[in-house]
Amino acid sequence: MPKSVTHAPIPKIEILKKGHQWEVHWDYQEGPASQILFKRDDYLRGYIDGVLDTLKIDPKHVCCASGTTGTVKRLDQEKAEQLHTALNQLLIPLVEAEHERLERNAALPHVRINSATA
């Protein structure tokens, strides 16, 4: 059984200023709880596409946009901050909840007994 991780592998979500324009980058961090991002990929991709449409971000500014990684370039500051906020509200709670679920499940008596005998 893999060693328990004491903290959730929170995705890195960055907003960067490049000259007069802004960029938003996000990337998952390796860990058992991050697997939820891959399992829920269709949902996350649809949500992120909806956010990009709502913010009226031109598709040619989107280099990549999935639930695990993404880069959106040539944004104004307001749109970059709105996208950053939306990603934080979506990805971080999802990974934190999965981490908590995995921790609770690992503490169940039958799981501890099985891992001790393995």
N, C-alpha and C. Protein backbone atom coordinates (compact mmCIF):
# COMPACT_ATOMS: atom_id res chain seq x y z
N MET A 1 0.86 -1.18 0.00
CA MET A 1 0.00 0.00 0.00
C MET A 1 0.89 1.23 0.00
N PRO A 2 0.58 2.26 -0.82
CA PRO A 2 1.40 3.45 -0.86
C PRO A 2 1.40 4.18 0.48
N LYS A 3 2.51 4.85 0.74
CA LYS A 3 2.64 5.61 1.97
C LYS A 3 1.64 6.77 1.97
N SER A 4 1.03 7.01 3.12
CA SER A 4 0.05 8.08 3.26
C SER A 4 0.72 9.44 3.10
N VAL A 5 0.05 10.32 2.38
CA VAL A 5 0.54 11.68 2.18
C VAL A 5 -0.17 12.56 3.21
N THR A 6 0.58 13.44 3.87
CA THR A 6 0.00 14.24 4.94
C THR A 6 -0.73 15.48 4.43
N HIS A 7 -0.52 15.86 3.18
CA HIS A 7 -1.20 17.03 2.64
C HIS A 7 -1.68 16.73 1.23
N ALA A 8 -2.71 17.44 0.84
CA ALA A 8 -3.28 17.26 -0.50
C ALA A 8 -2.33 17.84 -1.56
N PRO A 9 -2.20 17.16 -2.69
CA PRO A 9 -1.36 17.67 -3.78
C PRO A 9 -2.10 18.76 -4.56
N ILE A 10 -2.12 19.95 -4.00
CA ILE A 10 -2.88 21.08 -4.55
C ILE A 10 -2.33 21.47 -5.93
N PRO A 11 -3.20 21.57 -6.93
CA PRO A 11 -2.74 22.01 -8.25
C PRO A 11 -2.12 23.42 -8.18
N LYS A 12 -1.09 23.63 -8.97
CA LYS A 12 -0.48 24.95 -9.06
C LYS A 12 -1.24 25.76 -10.10
N ILE A 13 -1.72 26.91 -9.68
CA ILE A 13 -2.47 27.80 -10.57
C ILE A 13 -1.80 29.15 -10.46
N GLU A 14 -1.20 29.60 -11.56
CA GLU A 14 -0.42 30.84 -11.54
C GLU A 14 -0.98 31.84 -12.54
N ILE A 15 -0.85 33.09 -12.16
CA ILE A 15 -1.19 34.19 -13.05
C ILE A 15 0.11 34.99 -13.22
N LEU A 16 0.50 35.20 -14.48
CA LEU A 16 1.77 35.87 -14.76
C LEU A 16 1.54 37.05 -15.69
N LYS A 17 2.31 38.11 -15.44
CA LYS A 17 2.26 39.28 -16.32
C LYS A 17 3.40 39.16 -17.33
N LYS A 18 3.07 39.26 -18.60
CA LYS A 18 4.04 39.22 -19.69
C LYS A 18 3.88 40.49 -20.50
N GLY A 19 4.70 41.49 -20.19
CA GLY A 19 4.56 42.78 -20.86
C GLY A 19 3.26 43.45 -20.46
N HIS A 20 2.42 43.76 -21.45
CA HIS A 20 1.14 44.40 -21.18
C HIS A 20 0.02 43.37 -21.06
N GLN A 21 0.35 42.10 -21.23
CA GLN A 21 -0.68 41.06 -21.20
C GLN A 21 -0.43 40.10 -20.04
N TRP A 22 -1.41 39.25 -19.80
CA TRP A 22 -1.36 38.32 -18.68
C TRP A 22 -1.56 36.90 -19.18
N GLU A 23 -1.06 35.96 -18.41
CA GLU A 23 -1.21 34.53 -18.71
C GLU A 23 -1.67 33.81 -17.45
N VAL A 24 -2.43 32.74 -17.65
CA VAL A 24 -2.83 31.87 -16.55
C VAL A 24 -2.35 30.46 -16.91
N HIS A 25 -1.64 29.85 -15.97
CA HIS A 25 -1.12 28.48 -16.14
C HIS A 25 -1.60 27.64 -14.96
N TRP A 26 -1.95 26.40 -15.23
CA TRP A 26 -2.26 25.48 -14.13
C TRP A 26 -1.73 24.10 -14.46
N ASP A 27 -1.40 23.38 -13.39
CA ASP A 27 -0.82 22.05 -13.53
C ASP A 27 -1.11 21.26 -12.26
N TYR A 28 -1.50 20.01 -12.43
CA TYR A 28 -1.75 19.16 -11.27
C TYR A 28 -0.42 18.81 -10.62
N GLN A 29 -0.48 18.40 -9.37
CA GLN A 29 0.69 17.93 -8.64
C GLN A 29 0.50 16.44 -8.38
N GLU A 30 1.56 15.69 -8.54
CA GLU A 30 1.48 14.24 -8.41
C GLU A 30 1.09 13.82 -7.00
N GLY A 31 0.17 12.91 -6.91
CA GLY A 31 -0.27 12.36 -5.63
C GLY A 31 -1.55 11.58 -5.84
N PRO A 32 -1.87 10.69 -4.91
CA PRO A 32 -3.08 9.88 -5.07
C PRO A 32 -4.36 10.70 -5.25
N ALA A 33 -4.47 11.80 -4.53
CA ALA A 33 -5.70 12.61 -4.63
C ALA A 33 -5.82 13.30 -5.99
N SER A 34 -4.73 13.49 -6.68
CA SER A 34 -4.77 14.13 -8.00
C SER A 34 -5.45 13.26 -9.05
N GLN A 35 -5.57 11.99 -8.78
CA GLN A 35 -6.22 11.10 -9.75
C GLN A 35 -7.67 11.50 -10.01
N ILE A 36 -8.27 12.20 -9.06
CA ILE A 36 -9.65 12.66 -9.26
C ILE A 36 -9.75 13.60 -10.47
N LEU A 37 -8.69 14.35 -10.74
CA LEU A 37 -8.70 15.26 -11.88
C LEU A 37 -8.75 14.49 -13.20
N PHE A 38 -8.09 13.34 -13.23
CA PHE A 38 -8.12 12.50 -14.43
C PHE A 38 -9.46 11.77 -14.54
N LYS A 39 -9.98 11.30 -13.41
CA LYS A 39 -11.25 10.58 -13.42
C LYS A 39 -12.42 11.48 -13.83
N ARG A 40 -12.35 12.75 -13.47
CA ARG A 40 -13.44 13.69 -13.76
C ARG A 40 -13.10 14.59 -14.95
N ASP A 41 -12.23 14.13 -15.82
CA ASP A 41 -11.73 14.95 -16.92
C ASP A 41 -12.82 15.54 -17.80
N ASP A 42 -13.82 14.74 -18.17
CA ASP A 42 -14.88 15.25 -19.04
C ASP A 42 -15.64 16.39 -18.38
N TYR A 43 -16.00 16.21 -17.13
CA TYR A 43 -16.70 17.25 -16.39
C TYR A 43 -15.84 18.51 -16.29
N LEU A 44 -14.58 18.35 -15.91
CA LEU A 44 -13.69 19.49 -15.73
C LEU A 44 -13.45 20.23 -17.04
N ARG A 45 -13.27 19.49 -18.11
CA ARG A 45 -13.06 20.11 -19.42
C ARG A 45 -14.29 20.94 -19.82
N GLY A 46 -15.47 20.40 -19.59
CA GLY A 46 -16.69 21.14 -19.91
C GLY A 46 -16.84 22.38 -19.06
N TYR A 47 -16.52 22.27 -17.78
CA TYR A 47 -16.61 23.42 -16.88
C TYR A 47 -15.63 24.50 -17.33
N ILE A 48 -14.39 24.11 -17.59
CA ILE A 48 -13.37 25.08 -17.99
C ILE A 48 -13.74 25.72 -19.33
N ASP A 49 -14.22 24.92 -20.28
CA ASP A 49 -14.67 25.49 -21.56
C ASP A 49 -15.79 26.50 -21.34
N GLY A 50 -16.69 26.20 -20.42
CA GLY A 50 -17.78 27.13 -20.11
C GLY A 50 -17.27 28.43 -19.50
N VAL A 51 -16.27 28.33 -18.62
CA VAL A 51 -15.68 29.54 -18.02
C VAL A 51 -15.01 30.37 -19.11
N LEU A 52 -14.27 29.71 -19.99
CA LEU A 52 -13.60 30.44 -21.07
C LEU A 52 -14.61 31.14 -21.97
N ASP A 53 -15.72 30.47 -22.26
CA ASP A 53 -16.77 31.08 -23.08
C ASP A 53 -17.44 32.24 -22.34
N THR A 54 -17.73 32.05 -21.07
CA THR A 54 -18.37 33.09 -20.27
C THR A 54 -17.51 34.35 -20.19
N LEU A 55 -16.20 34.14 -20.05
CA LEU A 55 -15.28 35.28 -19.99
C LEU A 55 -14.96 35.86 -21.37
N LYS A 56 -15.52 35.23 -22.41
CA LYS A 56 -15.29 35.66 -23.80
C LYS A 56 -13.80 35.69 -24.15
N ILE A 57 -13.13 34.60 -23.75
CA ILE A 57 -11.71 34.45 -24.07
C ILE A 57 -11.61 33.81 -25.45
N ASP A 58 -10.93 34.47 -26.34
CA ASP A 58 -10.76 34.01 -27.71
C ASP A 58 -10.05 32.65 -27.71
N PRO A 59 -10.61 31.65 -28.41
CA PRO A 59 -9.98 30.32 -28.44
C PRO A 59 -8.53 30.33 -28.92
N LYS A 60 -8.13 31.31 -29.72
CA LYS A 60 -6.74 31.33 -30.19
C LYS A 60 -5.77 31.72 -29.07
N HIS A 61 -6.30 32.18 -27.93
CA HIS A 61 -5.45 32.50 -26.77
C HIS A 61 -5.27 31.29 -25.85
N VAL A 62 -6.03 30.22 -26.13
CA VAL A 62 -5.98 29.01 -25.30
C VAL A 62 -4.99 28.04 -25.91
N CYS A 63 -3.89 27.83 -25.22
CA CYS A 63 -2.89 26.87 -25.70
C CYS A 63 -3.29 25.45 -25.32
N CYS A 64 -3.84 25.31 -24.14
CA CYS A 64 -4.24 24.02 -23.61
C CYS A 64 -5.20 24.31 -22.47
N ALA A 65 -6.24 23.53 -22.31
CA ALA A 65 -7.17 23.75 -21.21
C ALA A 65 -7.87 22.45 -20.86
N SER A 66 -7.35 21.77 -19.87
CA SER A 66 -7.98 20.55 -19.37
C SER A 66 -8.09 20.65 -17.86
N GLY A 67 -8.61 19.62 -17.26
CA GLY A 67 -8.73 19.60 -15.81
C GLY A 67 -7.42 19.37 -15.10
N THR A 68 -6.40 18.97 -15.83
CA THR A 68 -5.11 18.70 -15.21
C THR A 68 -4.07 19.77 -15.51
N THR A 69 -4.05 20.26 -16.73
CA THR A 69 -3.07 21.28 -17.12
C THR A 69 -3.72 22.29 -18.06
N GLY A 70 -3.13 23.46 -18.11
CA GLY A 70 -3.65 24.45 -19.03
C GLY A 70 -2.79 25.70 -19.10
N THR A 71 -2.91 26.38 -20.22
CA THR A 71 -2.24 27.66 -20.43
C THR A 71 -3.15 28.52 -21.30
N VAL A 72 -3.43 29.72 -20.81
CA VAL A 72 -4.20 30.69 -21.57
C VAL A 72 -3.38 31.97 -21.58
N LYS A 73 -3.09 32.47 -22.77
CA LYS A 73 -2.20 33.63 -22.93
C LYS A 73 -2.95 34.83 -23.50
N ARG A 74 -2.25 35.95 -23.50
CA ARG A 74 -2.73 37.21 -24.10
C ARG A 74 -4.08 37.65 -23.53
N LEU A 75 -4.15 37.71 -22.20
CA LEU A 75 -5.36 38.15 -21.52
C LEU A 75 -5.15 39.53 -20.93
N ASP A 76 -6.25 40.25 -20.72
CA ASP A 76 -6.13 41.47 -19.92
C ASP A 76 -6.16 41.05 -18.45
N GLN A 77 -5.79 41.95 -17.58
CA GLN A 77 -5.66 41.61 -16.17
C GLN A 77 -6.97 41.11 -15.57
N GLU A 78 -8.07 41.75 -15.90
CA GLU A 78 -9.36 41.37 -15.32
C GLU A 78 -9.75 39.94 -15.68
N LYS A 79 -9.62 39.59 -16.96
CA LYS A 79 -9.97 38.23 -17.39
C LYS A 79 -9.03 37.21 -16.78
N ALA A 80 -7.75 37.54 -16.68
CA ALA A 80 -6.78 36.63 -16.08
C ALA A 80 -7.13 36.36 -14.62
N GLU A 81 -7.49 37.40 -13.90
CA GLU A 81 -7.86 37.23 -12.48
C GLU A 81 -9.15 36.44 -12.33
N GLN A 82 -10.11 36.67 -13.22
CA GLN A 82 -11.37 35.93 -13.16
C GLN A 82 -11.14 34.44 -13.47
N LEU A 83 -10.32 34.14 -14.46
CA LEU A 83 -10.01 32.76 -14.79
C LEU A 83 -9.26 32.10 -13.64
N HIS A 84 -8.30 32.80 -13.08
CA HIS A 84 -7.53 32.30 -11.93
C HIS A 84 -8.46 31.94 -10.77
N THR A 85 -9.39 32.83 -10.47
CA THR A 85 -10.35 32.61 -9.38
C THR A 85 -11.22 31.39 -9.67
N ALA A 86 -11.74 31.29 -10.89
CA ALA A 86 -12.60 30.16 -11.25
C ALA A 86 -11.86 28.83 -11.13
N LEU A 87 -10.61 28.79 -11.57
CA LEU A 87 -9.82 27.56 -11.48
C LEU A 87 -9.54 27.19 -10.02
N ASN A 88 -9.24 28.18 -9.20
CA ASN A 88 -9.02 27.93 -7.78
C ASN A 88 -10.27 27.37 -7.12
N GLN A 89 -11.42 27.89 -7.48
CA GLN A 89 -12.68 27.44 -6.89
C GLN A 89 -13.10 26.06 -7.38
N LEU A 90 -12.59 25.65 -8.51
CA LEU A 90 -12.94 24.35 -9.08
C LEU A 90 -11.95 23.26 -8.67
N LEU A 91 -10.69 23.46 -8.97
CA LEU A 91 -9.70 22.39 -8.85
C LEU A 91 -9.26 22.11 -7.41
N ILE A 92 -9.00 23.16 -6.64
CA ILE A 92 -8.46 22.96 -5.30
C ILE A 92 -9.43 22.23 -4.38
N PRO A 93 -10.70 22.65 -4.28
CA PRO A 93 -11.63 21.91 -3.41
C PRO A 93 -11.83 20.46 -3.84
N LEU A 94 -11.78 20.20 -5.14
CA LEU A 94 -11.94 18.84 -5.63
C LEU A 94 -10.81 17.94 -5.15
N VAL A 95 -9.57 18.42 -5.26
CA VAL A 95 -8.41 17.64 -4.82
C VAL A 95 -8.40 17.52 -3.29
N GLU A 96 -8.73 18.59 -2.59
CA GLU A 96 -8.75 18.53 -1.13
C GLU A 96 -9.79 17.53 -0.63
N ALA A 97 -10.96 17.53 -1.24
CA ALA A 97 -12.02 16.59 -0.84
C ALA A 97 -11.60 15.15 -1.12
N GLU A 98 -10.94 14.93 -2.25
CA GLU A 98 -10.48 13.57 -2.57
C GLU A 98 -9.40 13.14 -1.58
N HIS A 99 -8.51 14.04 -1.23
CA HIS A 99 -7.46 13.73 -0.25
C HIS A 99 -8.09 13.34 1.09
N GLU A 100 -9.06 14.11 1.54
CA GLU A 100 -9.75 13.79 2.80
C GLU A 100 -10.44 12.44 2.72
N ARG A 101 -11.07 12.16 1.58
CA ARG A 101 -11.75 10.87 1.41
C ARG A 101 -10.76 9.72 1.49
N LEU A 102 -9.64 9.87 0.82
CA LEU A 102 -8.61 8.82 0.85
C LEU A 102 -8.05 8.62 2.26
N GLU A 103 -7.85 9.71 2.98
CA GLU A 103 -7.36 9.62 4.37
C GLU A 103 -8.37 8.90 5.26
N ARG A 104 -9.65 9.24 5.11
CA ARG A 104 -10.69 8.57 5.91
C ARG A 104 -10.73 7.09 5.59
N ASN A 105 -10.67 6.76 4.30
CA ASN A 105 -10.73 5.35 3.90
C ASN A 105 -9.51 4.58 4.39
N ALA A 106 -8.36 5.20 4.39
CA ALA A 106 -7.14 4.52 4.85
C ALA A 106 -7.19 4.25 6.35
N ALA A 107 -7.99 5.01 7.08
CA ALA A 107 -8.09 4.83 8.52
C ALA A 107 -9.13 3.79 8.92
N LEU A 108 -9.88 3.26 7.99
CA LEU A 108 -10.88 2.25 8.32
C LEU A 108 -10.20 0.99 8.83
N PRO A 109 -10.78 0.36 9.84
CA PRO A 109 -10.13 -0.82 10.47
C PRO A 109 -9.80 -1.94 9.48
N HIS A 110 -10.71 -2.27 8.58
CA HIS A 110 -10.44 -3.38 7.67
C HIS A 110 -9.33 -3.04 6.68
N VAL A 111 -9.14 -1.78 6.37
CA VAL A 111 -8.05 -1.39 5.47
C VAL A 111 -6.72 -1.49 6.22
N ARG A 112 -6.70 -1.04 7.47
CA ARG A 112 -5.45 -1.13 8.27
C ARG A 112 -5.04 -2.58 8.47
N ILE A 113 -6.00 -3.46 8.73
CA ILE A 113 -5.69 -4.88 8.95
C ILE A 113 -5.13 -5.49 7.68
N ASN A 114 -5.77 -5.24 6.54
CA ASN A 114 -5.30 -5.80 5.28
C ASN A 114 -3.93 -5.29 4.91
N SER A 115 -3.63 -4.02 5.14
CA SER A 115 -2.32 -3.49 4.80
C SER A 115 -1.24 -4.00 5.74
N ALA A 116 -1.60 -4.33 6.98
CA ALA A 116 -0.62 -4.86 7.94
C ALA A 116 -0.24 -6.30 7.60
N THR A 117 -1.18 -7.05 7.01
CA THR A 117 -0.90 -8.45 6.68
C THR A 117 -0.28 -8.62 5.30
N ALA A 118 -0.28 -7.58 4.52
CA ALA A 118 0.24 -7.69 3.15
C ALA A 118 1.75 -7.64 3.11
